[in-house]
C-alpha atoms as a PDB file:
ATOM      1  CA  MET A   1      95.901 109.522  99.944  1.00  0.00           C
ATOM      2  CA  ASP A   2      94.848 110.217  96.406  1.00  0.00           C
ATOM      3  CA  GLY A   3      94.766 107.728  93.548  1.00  0.00           C
ATOM      4  CA  LEU A   4      92.523 106.185  90.911  1.00  0.00           C
ATOM      5  CA  ASN A   5      90.115 103.260  90.772  1.00  0.00           C
ATOM      6  CA  PHE A   6      90.121 102.262  94.437  1.00  0.00           C
ATOM      7  CA  ALA A   7      87.638  99.412  94.820  1.00  0.00           C
ATOM      8  CA  SER A   8      85.648  98.253  97.826  1.00  0.00           C
ATOM      9  CA  ASP A   9      88.310  95.592  98.515  1.00  0.00           C
ATOM     10  CA  VAL A  10      91.077  98.176  99.056  1.00  0.00           C
ATOM     11  CA  GLN A  11      93.711  97.478 101.702  1.00  0.00           C
ATOM     12  CA  VAL A  12      96.572  99.734 102.789  1.00  0.00           C
ATOM     13  CA  TYR A  13      99.714  98.399 104.428  1.00  0.00           C
ATOM     14  CA  PHE A  14     102.340 100.372 106.327  1.00  0.00           C
ATOM     15  CA  GLY A  15     105.219  97.952 105.965  1.00  0.00           C
ATOM     16  CA  ASP A  16     103.660  94.632 107.046  1.00  0.00           C
ATOM     17  CA  ASN A  17     100.917  96.251 109.153  1.00  0.00           C
ATOM     18  CA  LEU A  18      97.379  96.654 107.833  1.00  0.00           C
ATOM     19  CA  ALA A  19      95.975 100.181 108.222  1.00  0.00           C
ATOM     20  CA  GLU A  20      92.430 100.981 109.298  1.00  0.00           C
ATOM     21  CA  ILE A  21      90.345 102.470 106.456  1.00  0.00           C
ATOM     22  CA  ILE A  22      88.495 105.506 107.840  1.00  0.00           C
ATOM     23  CA  ASP A  23      86.862 106.607 104.574  1.00  0.00           C
ATOM     24  CA  SER A  24      87.222 105.524 100.955  1.00  0.00           C
ATOM     25  CA  GLY A  25      86.070 106.556  97.536  1.00  0.00           C
ATOM     26  CA  PRO A  26      87.149 105.737  93.982  1.00  0.00           C
ATOM     27  CA  ALA A  27      89.873 108.436  94.015  1.00  0.00           C
ATOM     28  CA  GLN A  28      90.714 109.047  97.677  1.00  0.00           C
ATOM     29  CA  LEU A  29      91.399 107.106 100.870  1.00  0.00           C
ATOM     30  CA  VAL A  30      91.605 108.228 104.475  1.00  0.00           C
ATOM     31  CA  VAL A  31      93.436 105.729 106.654  1.00  0.00           C
ATOM     32  CA  LYS A  32      94.746 105.550 110.206  1.00  0.00           C
ATOM     33  CA  ALA A  33      98.396 104.553 110.322  1.00  0.00           C
ATOM     34  CA  PRO A  34      98.835 101.416 112.420  1.00  0.00           C
ATOM     35  CA  ASN A  35     101.209 101.338 115.354  1.00  0.00           C
ATOM     36  CA  PRO A  36     104.724 100.749 114.075  1.00  0.00           C
ATOM     37  CA  THR A  37     106.590  97.516 114.485  1.00  0.00           C
ATOM     38  CA  ILE A  38     109.348  98.708 116.756  1.00  0.00           C
ATOM     39  CA  GLY A  39     112.505  97.215 118.069  1.00  0.00           C
ATOM     40  CA  PHE A  40     116.191  96.965 117.488  1.00  0.00           C
ATOM     41  CA  GLY A  41     117.000  97.194 113.787  1.00  0.00           C
ATOM     42  CA  LYS A  42     113.469  98.172 112.733  1.00  0.00           C
ATOM     43  CA  PRO A  43     113.320 101.194 110.398  1.00  0.00           C
ATOM     44  CA  SER A  44     111.227 104.278 111.236  1.00  0.00           C
ATOM     45  CA  THR A  45     110.593 104.905 107.512  1.00  0.00           C
ATOM     46  CA  ILE A  46     108.558 102.232 105.756  1.00  0.00           C
ATOM     47  CA  ASN A  47     106.789 101.657 102.450  1.00  0.00           C
ATOM     48  CA  VAL A  48     103.058 102.228 102.134  1.00  0.00           C
ATOM     49  CA  THR A  49     101.396  99.763  99.773  1.00  0.00           C
ATOM     50  CA  VAL A  50      97.840  99.917  98.410  1.00  0.00           C
ATOM     51  CA  LEU A  51      96.158  96.701  97.270  1.00  0.00           C
ATOM     52  CA  THR A  52      92.963  96.981  95.211  1.00  0.00           C
ATOM     53  CA  ASN A  53      91.333  95.143  92.320  1.00  0.00           C
ATOM     54  CA  GLY A  54      94.049  92.485  92.516  1.00  0.00           C
ATOM     55  CA  TYR A  55      96.822  95.039  91.962  1.00  0.00           C
ATOM     56  CA  SER A  56      99.523  96.371  94.275  1.00  0.00           C
ATOM     57  CA  SER A  57     101.005  99.854  94.158  1.00  0.00           C
ATOM     58  CA  PRO A  58     104.712  99.952  93.339  1.00  0.00           C
ATOM     59  CA  ALA A  59     107.156 100.802  96.127  1.00  0.00           C
ATOM     60  CA  SER A  60     108.999 104.071  95.620  1.00  0.00           C
ATOM     61  CA  PRO A  61     110.379 106.907  97.771  1.00  0.00           C
ATOM     62  CA  ALA A  62     107.132 108.826  97.084  1.00  0.00           C
ATOM     63  CA  ASP A  63     105.198 106.099  98.945  1.00  0.00           C
ATOM     64  CA  GLU A  64     107.215 106.107 102.156  1.00  0.00           C
ATOM     65  CA  PHE A  65     105.949 107.011 105.611  1.00  0.00           C
ATOM     66  CA  THR A  66     108.117 107.973 108.575  1.00  0.00           C
ATOM     67  CA  TYR A  67     107.019 107.357 112.135  1.00  0.00           C
ATOM     68  CA  LEU A  68     108.194 110.139 114.416  1.00  0.00           C
ATOM     69  CA  GLU A  69     109.726 109.258 117.740  1.00  0.00           C
ATOM     70  CA  ARG A  70     107.317 109.877 120.621  1.00  0.00           C
ATOM     71  CA  HIS A  71     108.541 111.397 123.832  1.00  0.00           C
ATOM     72  CA  GLY A  72     106.742 111.199 127.173  1.00  0.00           C
ATOM     73  CA  LEU A  73     105.131 114.424 128.321  1.00  0.00           C
END
């Protein structure tokens, strides 16, 4: 994901789940999406929130992530 002024304390949440930071720089992050919280009534599309420098990104449709349904092979 691209952005501005990401600090060393950056955290990314997919809904309530903390993502693993793979690589980070001041203007770009590479994260691994955490396993979804699944179950009856749980949405497959969730907000992605970035926390850095004491600030939180606003939630908007542009910041949503959709988990695709996995089928056994």
